[in-house]
Amino acid sequence: MIRTSYLIDKFMDQIKLNPNWATDSLAQTMSASVKAKVSIQQAYRTKRAALKLLESSIREQYARIRDYGHELKRVDPNTTIDIKCDFDNPDQLPVFKRMYICLGALKMGFRAGCRTVIGLDGCHLKSPYGGQLLTAVGLDANNTTWVVAYAMVEMECKDSWVWVSKPTGEGPEHKA
């Protein structure tokens, strides 16, 4: 007679690390750990509830992304930030789409001591919302990488690259 809320508290971190954990294997692990029988159905409910809690935590963090941008601008006014949200439903919070950040200190450091060669790279983000992290890096005098700017976009496509490269009000300024 184990409550699901107890199992969520006990196994949240493990489920977070392995969201595709097979339910029967999860039930066996839970049973061995708590020394009581955990049914496959209860393991399924625990896993589903834990993943829902994790997703809501990420959603709350995305809702505060503008606060993050304002704080970066407050600390370093030379920082360039552009955040694009979707405001289709006025009854709900805006839906995060894209974000571009070029920290002022990194921008000034690039101008002061890096070679004028910039490399671009990207990687996939592993979260319920997915997306890609795009970075622009340069090389300093010691041949070490220097992050110039980074952007988080929904996917690497022409629309995302055009948005990142626009120096107008529609996209971020990317001139270092």
C-alpha atoms as a PDB file:
ATOM      1  CA  MET A   1       0.000   0.000   0.000  1.00  0.00           C
ATOM      2  CA  ILE A   2       2.384   2.662  -1.284  1.00  0.00           C
ATOM      3  CA  ARG A   3       1.053   6.035  -2.322  1.00  0.00           C
ATOM      4  CA  THR A   4       1.922   7.438  -5.743  1.00  0.00           C
ATOM      5  CA  SER A   5       2.940  10.781  -4.211  1.00  0.00           C
ATOM      6  CA  TYR A   6       5.588   8.983  -2.132  1.00  0.00           C
ATOM      7  CA  LEU A   7       6.897   7.181  -5.224  1.00  0.00           C
ATOM      8  CA  ILE A   8       7.038  10.463  -7.153  1.00  0.00           C
ATOM      9  CA  ASP A   9       9.117  12.075  -4.410  1.00  0.00           C
ATOM     10  CA  LYS A  10      11.435   9.078  -4.179  1.00  0.00           C
ATOM     11  CA  PHE A  11      11.928   8.392  -7.913  1.00  0.00           C
ATOM     12  CA  MET A  12      11.548  11.832  -9.562  1.00  0.00           C
ATOM     13  CA  ASP A  13      15.281  12.270 -10.189  1.00  0.00           C
ATOM     14  CA  GLN A  14      15.676   8.794 -11.674  1.00  0.00           C
ATOM     15  CA  ILE A  15      12.673   9.270 -13.969  1.00  0.00           C
ATOM     16  CA  LYS A  16      14.060  12.658 -15.013  1.00  0.00           C
ATOM     17  CA  LEU A  17      17.336  11.025 -16.058  1.00  0.00           C
ATOM     18  CA  ASN A  18      15.567   8.204 -17.909  1.00  0.00           C
ATOM     19  CA  PRO A  19      12.143   9.368 -19.176  1.00  0.00           C
ATOM     20  CA  ASN A  20      11.839   6.365 -21.536  1.00  0.00           C
ATOM     21  CA  TRP A  21      12.210   3.847 -18.723  1.00  0.00           C
ATOM     22  CA  ALA A  22      10.061   0.772 -19.395  1.00  0.00           C
ATOM     23  CA  THR A  23       7.146   0.657 -16.968  1.00  0.00           C
ATOM     24  CA  ASP A  24       7.641  -2.977 -15.941  1.00  0.00           C
ATOM     25  CA  SER A  25      11.326  -2.370 -15.225  1.00  0.00           C
ATOM     26  CA  LEU A  26      10.413   0.773 -13.265  1.00  0.00           C
ATOM     27  CA  ALA A  27       7.887  -1.221 -11.216  1.00  0.00           C
ATOM     28  CA  GLN A  28      10.533  -3.836 -10.379  1.00  0.00           C
ATOM     29  CA  THR A  29      13.057  -1.166  -9.351  1.00  0.00           C
ATOM     30  CA  MET A  30      10.456   0.585  -7.202  1.00  0.00           C
ATOM     31  CA  SER A  31       9.413  -2.685  -5.551  1.00  0.00           C
ATOM     32  CA  ALA A  32      13.017  -3.575  -4.702  1.00  0.00           C
ATOM     33  CA  SER A  33      13.759  -0.108  -3.374  1.00  0.00           C
ATOM     34  CA  VAL A  34      10.710   0.336  -1.133  1.00  0.00           C
ATOM     35  CA  LYS A  35      10.494  -3.392  -0.235  1.00  0.00           C
ATOM     36  CA  ALA A  36       6.816  -3.539  -1.132  1.00  0.00           C
ATOM     37  CA  LYS A  37       4.883  -4.624  -4.226  1.00  0.00           C
ATOM     38  CA  VAL A  38       4.451  -1.806  -6.760  1.00  0.00           C
ATOM     39  CA  SER A  39       2.107  -2.710  -9.601  1.00  0.00           C
ATOM     40  CA  ILE A  40       2.862  -1.877 -13.208  1.00  0.00           C
ATOM     41  CA  GLN A  41      -0.205   0.398 -13.224  1.00  0.00           C
ATOM     42  CA  GLN A  42       1.062   2.301 -10.184  1.00  0.00           C
ATOM     43  CA  ALA A  43       4.528   2.620 -11.735  1.00  0.00           C
ATOM     44  CA  TYR A  44       2.874   3.961 -14.898  1.00  0.00           C
ATOM     45  CA  ARG A  45       0.862   6.547 -12.922  1.00  0.00           C
ATOM     46  CA  THR A  46       3.989   7.563 -11.006  1.00  0.00           C
ATOM     47  CA  LYS A  47       6.030   7.967 -14.173  1.00  0.00           C
ATOM     48  CA  ARG A  48       3.295   9.949 -15.924  1.00  0.00           C
ATOM     49  CA  ALA A  49       2.805  12.274 -12.929  1.00  0.00           C
ATOM     50  CA  ALA A  50       6.561  12.796 -12.498  1.00  0.00           C
ATOM     51  CA  LEU A  51       7.017  13.686 -16.173  1.00  0.00           C
ATOM     52  CA  LYS A  52       4.068  16.074 -15.965  1.00  0.00           C
ATOM     53  CA  LEU A  53       5.646  17.805 -12.944  1.00  0.00           C
ATOM     54  CA  LEU A  54       8.970  18.092 -14.761  1.00  0.00           C
ATOM     55  CA  GLU A  55       7.287  19.562 -17.837  1.00  0.00           C
ATOM     56  CA  SER A  56       5.392  22.146 -15.765  1.00  0.00           C
ATOM     57  CA  SER A  57       8.668  23.170 -14.114  1.00  0.00           C
ATOM     58  CA  ILE A  58      10.226  23.792 -17.527  1.00  0.00           C
ATOM     59  CA  ARG A  59       7.127  25.721 -18.649  1.00  0.00           C
ATOM     60  CA  GLU A  60       7.411  27.990 -15.592  1.00  0.00           C
ATOM     61  CA  GLN A  61      11.062  28.654 -16.415  1.00  0.00           C
ATOM     62  CA  TYR A  62      10.204  29.606 -19.994  1.00  0.00           C
ATOM     63  CA  ALA A  63       7.515  31.958 -18.663  1.00  0.00           C
ATOM     64  CA  ARG A  64      10.275  33.865 -16.819  1.00  0.00           C
ATOM     65  CA  ILE A  65      12.595  34.162 -19.826  1.00  0.00           C
ATOM     66  CA  ARG A  66      11.846  37.883 -20.227  1.00  0.00           C
ATOM     67  CA  ASP A  67      12.903  38.467 -16.609  1.00  0.00           C
ATOM     68  CA  TYR A  68      16.198  36.778 -17.444  1.00  0.00           C
ATOM     69  CA  GLY A  69      16.653  39.059 -20.446  1.00  0.00           C
ATOM     70  CA  HIS A  70      15.907  42.200 -18.430  1.00  0.00           C
ATOM     71  CA  GLU A  71      18.372  41.147 -15.733  1.00  0.00           C
ATOM     72  CA  LEU A  72      21.122  40.572 -18.313  1.00  0.00           C
ATOM     73  CA  LYS A  73      20.488  44.040 -19.773  1.00  0.00           C
ATOM     74  CA  ARG A  74      20.487  45.588 -16.293  1.00  0.00           C
ATOM     75  CA  VAL A  75      23.840  44.037 -15.394  1.00  0.00           C
ATOM     76  CA  ASP A  76      25.504  44.826 -18.748  1.00  0.00           C
ATOM     77  CA  PRO A  77      23.772  47.446 -20.955  1.00  0.00           C
ATOM     78  CA  ASN A  78      25.945  46.439 -23.949  1.00  0.00           C
ATOM     79  CA  THR A  79      24.265  43.037 -24.047  1.00  0.00           C
ATOM     80  CA  THR A  80      22.079  42.405 -27.089  1.00  0.00           C
ATOM     81  CA  ILE A  81      18.968  40.331 -26.458  1.00  0.00           C
ATOM     82  CA  ASP A  82      16.007  39.487 -28.627  1.00  0.00           C
ATOM     83  CA  ILE A  83      13.242  37.183 -27.480  1.00  0.00           C
ATOM     84  CA  LYS A  84      10.392  36.166 -29.741  1.00  0.00           C
ATOM     85  CA  CYS A  85       7.184  34.827 -28.264  1.00  0.00           C
ATOM     86  CA  ASP A  86       3.907  33.804 -29.846  1.00  0.00           C
ATOM     87  CA  PHE A  87       0.989  35.896 -28.558  1.00  0.00           C
ATOM     88  CA  ASP A  88      -1.809  34.074 -30.447  1.00  0.00           C
ATOM     89  CA  ASN A  89      -3.918  33.337 -27.361  1.00  0.00           C
ATOM     90  CA  PRO A  90      -4.382  36.451 -25.176  1.00  0.00           C
ATOM     91  CA  ASP A  91      -5.905  34.360 -22.351  1.00  0.00           C
ATOM     92  CA  GLN A  92      -2.681  32.414 -21.796  1.00  0.00           C
ATOM     93  CA  LEU A  93       0.980  33.223 -21.239  1.00  0.00           C
ATOM     94  CA  PRO A  94       2.978  33.896 -24.404  1.00  0.00           C
ATOM     95  CA  VAL A  95       4.547  30.807 -25.956  1.00  0.00           C
ATOM     96  CA  PHE A  96       8.337  31.013 -26.195  1.00  0.00           C
ATOM     97  CA  LYS A  97       9.697  30.572 -29.726  1.00  0.00           C
ATOM     98  CA  ARG A  98      13.223  31.959 -30.060  1.00  0.00           C
ATOM     99  CA  MET A  99      15.889  33.765 -28.098  1.00  0.00           C
ATOM    100  CA  TYR A 100      19.154  35.426 -29.130  1.00  0.00           C
ATOM    101  CA  ILE A 101      21.794  36.641 -26.644  1.00  0.00           C
ATOM    102  CA  CYS A 102      25.131  38.344 -27.229  1.00  0.00           C
ATOM    103  CA  LEU A 103      26.633  39.268 -23.867  1.00  0.00           C
ATOM    104  CA  GLY A 104      28.225  42.714 -23.867  1.00  0.00           C
ATOM    105  CA  ALA A 105      31.461  41.601 -22.195  1.00  0.00           C
ATOM    106  CA  LEU A 106      31.941  38.806 -24.738  1.00  0.00           C
ATOM    107  CA  LYS A 107      31.162  41.216 -27.574  1.00  0.00           C
ATOM    108  CA  MET A 108      33.808  43.695 -26.350  1.00  0.00           C
ATOM    109  CA  GLY A 109      36.338  40.887 -25.733  1.00  0.00           C
ATOM    110  CA  PHE A 110      35.827  39.598 -29.265  1.00  0.00           C
ATOM    111  CA  ARG A 111      36.430  43.058 -30.702  1.00  0.00           C
ATOM    112  CA  ALA A 112      39.525  43.558 -28.538  1.00  0.00           C
ATOM    113  CA  GLY A 113      41.446  40.333 -28.990  1.00  0.00           C
ATOM    114  CA  CYS A 114      39.911  37.713 -31.268  1.00  0.00           C
ATOM    115  CA  ARG A 115      40.525  36.867 -34.876  1.00  0.00           C
ATOM    116  CA  THR A 116      37.827  37.981 -37.279  1.00  0.00           C
ATOM    117  CA  VAL A 117      36.792  34.420 -38.082  1.00  0.00           C
ATOM    118  CA  ILE A 118      33.492  33.193 -36.686  1.00  0.00           C
ATOM    119  CA  GLY A 119      32.369  29.577 -36.627  1.00  0.00           C
ATOM    120  CA  LEU A 120      28.761  28.485 -36.302  1.00  0.00           C
ATOM    121  CA  ASP A 121      27.535  25.354 -34.589  1.00  0.00           C
ATOM    122  CA  GLY A 122      24.323  23.926 -33.227  1.00  0.00           C
ATOM    123  CA  CYS A 123      23.037  21.109 -31.067  1.00  0.00           C
ATOM    124  CA  HIS A 124      19.659  19.647 -30.227  1.00  0.00           C
ATOM    125  CA  LEU A 125      18.061  20.447 -26.877  1.00  0.00           C
ATOM    126  CA  LYS A 126      16.701  17.500 -24.917  1.00  0.00           C
ATOM    127  CA  SER A 127      13.580  18.794 -23.205  1.00  0.00           C
ATOM    128  CA  PRO A 128       9.848  18.325 -23.687  1.00  0.00           C
ATOM    129  CA  TYR A 129       9.894  21.396 -25.940  1.00  0.00           C
ATOM    130  CA  GLY A 130      12.978  20.453 -27.953  1.00  0.00           C
ATOM    131  CA  GLY A 131      14.596  23.050 -30.167  1.00  0.00           C
ATOM    132  CA  GLN A 132      18.182  23.775 -31.043  1.00  0.00           C
ATOM    133  CA  LEU A 133      20.965  25.810 -29.506  1.00  0.00           C
ATOM    134  CA  LEU A 134      22.949  27.732 -32.133  1.00  0.00           C
ATOM    135  CA  THR A 135      26.277  29.315 -31.218  1.00  0.00           C
ATOM    136  CA  ALA A 136      28.717  31.682 -32.900  1.00  0.00           C
ATOM    137  CA  VAL A 137      32.310  31.249 -31.718  1.00  0.00           C
ATOM    138  CA  GLY A 138      35.595  32.921 -32.540  1.00  0.00           C
ATOM    139  CA  LEU A 139      39.233  32.170 -31.792  1.00  0.00           C
ATOM    140  CA  ASP A 140      41.352  34.291 -29.482  1.00  0.00           C
ATOM    141  CA  ALA A 141      45.135  34.799 -29.627  1.00  0.00           C
ATOM    142  CA  ASN A 142      45.743  31.466 -27.820  1.00  0.00           C
ATOM    143  CA  ASN A 143      43.605  29.481 -30.295  1.00  0.00           C
ATOM    144  CA  THR A 144      40.897  28.884 -27.708  1.00  0.00           C
ATOM    145  CA  THR A 145      37.253  29.276 -28.530  1.00  0.00           C
ATOM    146  CA  TRP A 146      35.426  32.442 -27.578  1.00  0.00           C
ATOM    147  CA  VAL A 147      31.632  32.354 -27.540  1.00  0.00           C
ATOM    148  CA  VAL A 148      30.379  35.466 -29.289  1.00  0.00           C
ATOM    149  CA  ALA A 149      26.628  34.847 -29.257  1.00  0.00           C
ATOM    150  CA  TYR A 150      24.076  32.103 -28.867  1.00  0.00           C
ATOM    151  CA  ALA A 151      20.486  31.570 -29.881  1.00  0.00           C
ATOM    152  CA  MET A 152      17.832  29.064 -28.972  1.00  0.00           C
ATOM    153  CA  VAL A 153      15.403  28.381 -31.816  1.00  0.00           C
ATOM    154  CA  GLU A 154      12.609  25.910 -32.423  1.00  0.00           C
ATOM    155  CA  MET A 155      14.539  24.280 -35.287  1.00  0.00           C
ATOM    156  CA  GLU A 156      17.475  25.031 -37.531  1.00  0.00           C
ATOM    157  CA  CYS A 157      15.835  26.299 -40.693  1.00  0.00           C
ATOM    158  CA  LYS A 158      16.034  29.259 -43.027  1.00  0.00           C
ATOM    159  CA  ASP A 159      13.442  31.193 -41.002  1.00  0.00           C
ATOM    160  CA  SER A 160      15.529  30.817 -37.810  1.00  0.00           C
ATOM    161  CA  TRP A 161      18.807  31.800 -39.475  1.00  0.00           C
ATOM    162  CA  VAL A 162      17.207  34.811 -41.184  1.00  0.00           C
ATOM    163  CA  TRP A 163      15.695  35.921 -37.860  1.00  0.00           C
ATOM    164  CA  VAL A 164      19.053  35.605 -36.078  1.00  0.00           C
ATOM    165  CA  SER A 165      20.919  37.526 -38.792  1.00  0.00           C
ATOM    166  CA  LYS A 166      18.518  40.494 -39.142  1.00  0.00           C
ATOM    167  CA  PRO A 167      19.974  43.723 -37.705  1.00  0.00           C
ATOM    168  CA  THR A 168      16.517  45.378 -37.670  1.00  0.00           C
ATOM    169  CA  GLY A 169      13.934  45.394 -34.927  1.00  0.00           C
ATOM    170  CA  GLU A 170      12.559  42.035 -36.086  1.00  0.00           C
ATOM    171  CA  GLY A 171      15.674  40.094 -35.208  1.00  0.00           C
ATOM    172  CA  PRO A 172      18.705  40.471 -32.997  1.00  0.00           C
ATOM    173  CA  GLU A 173      21.669  42.615 -33.853  1.00  0.00           C
ATOM    174  CA  HIS A 174      24.490  40.227 -34.528  1.00  0.00           C
ATOM    175  CA  LYS A 175      27.299  42.656 -35.319  1.00  0.00           C
ATOM    176  CA  ALA A 176      30.073  42.114 -32.847  1.00  0.00           C
END
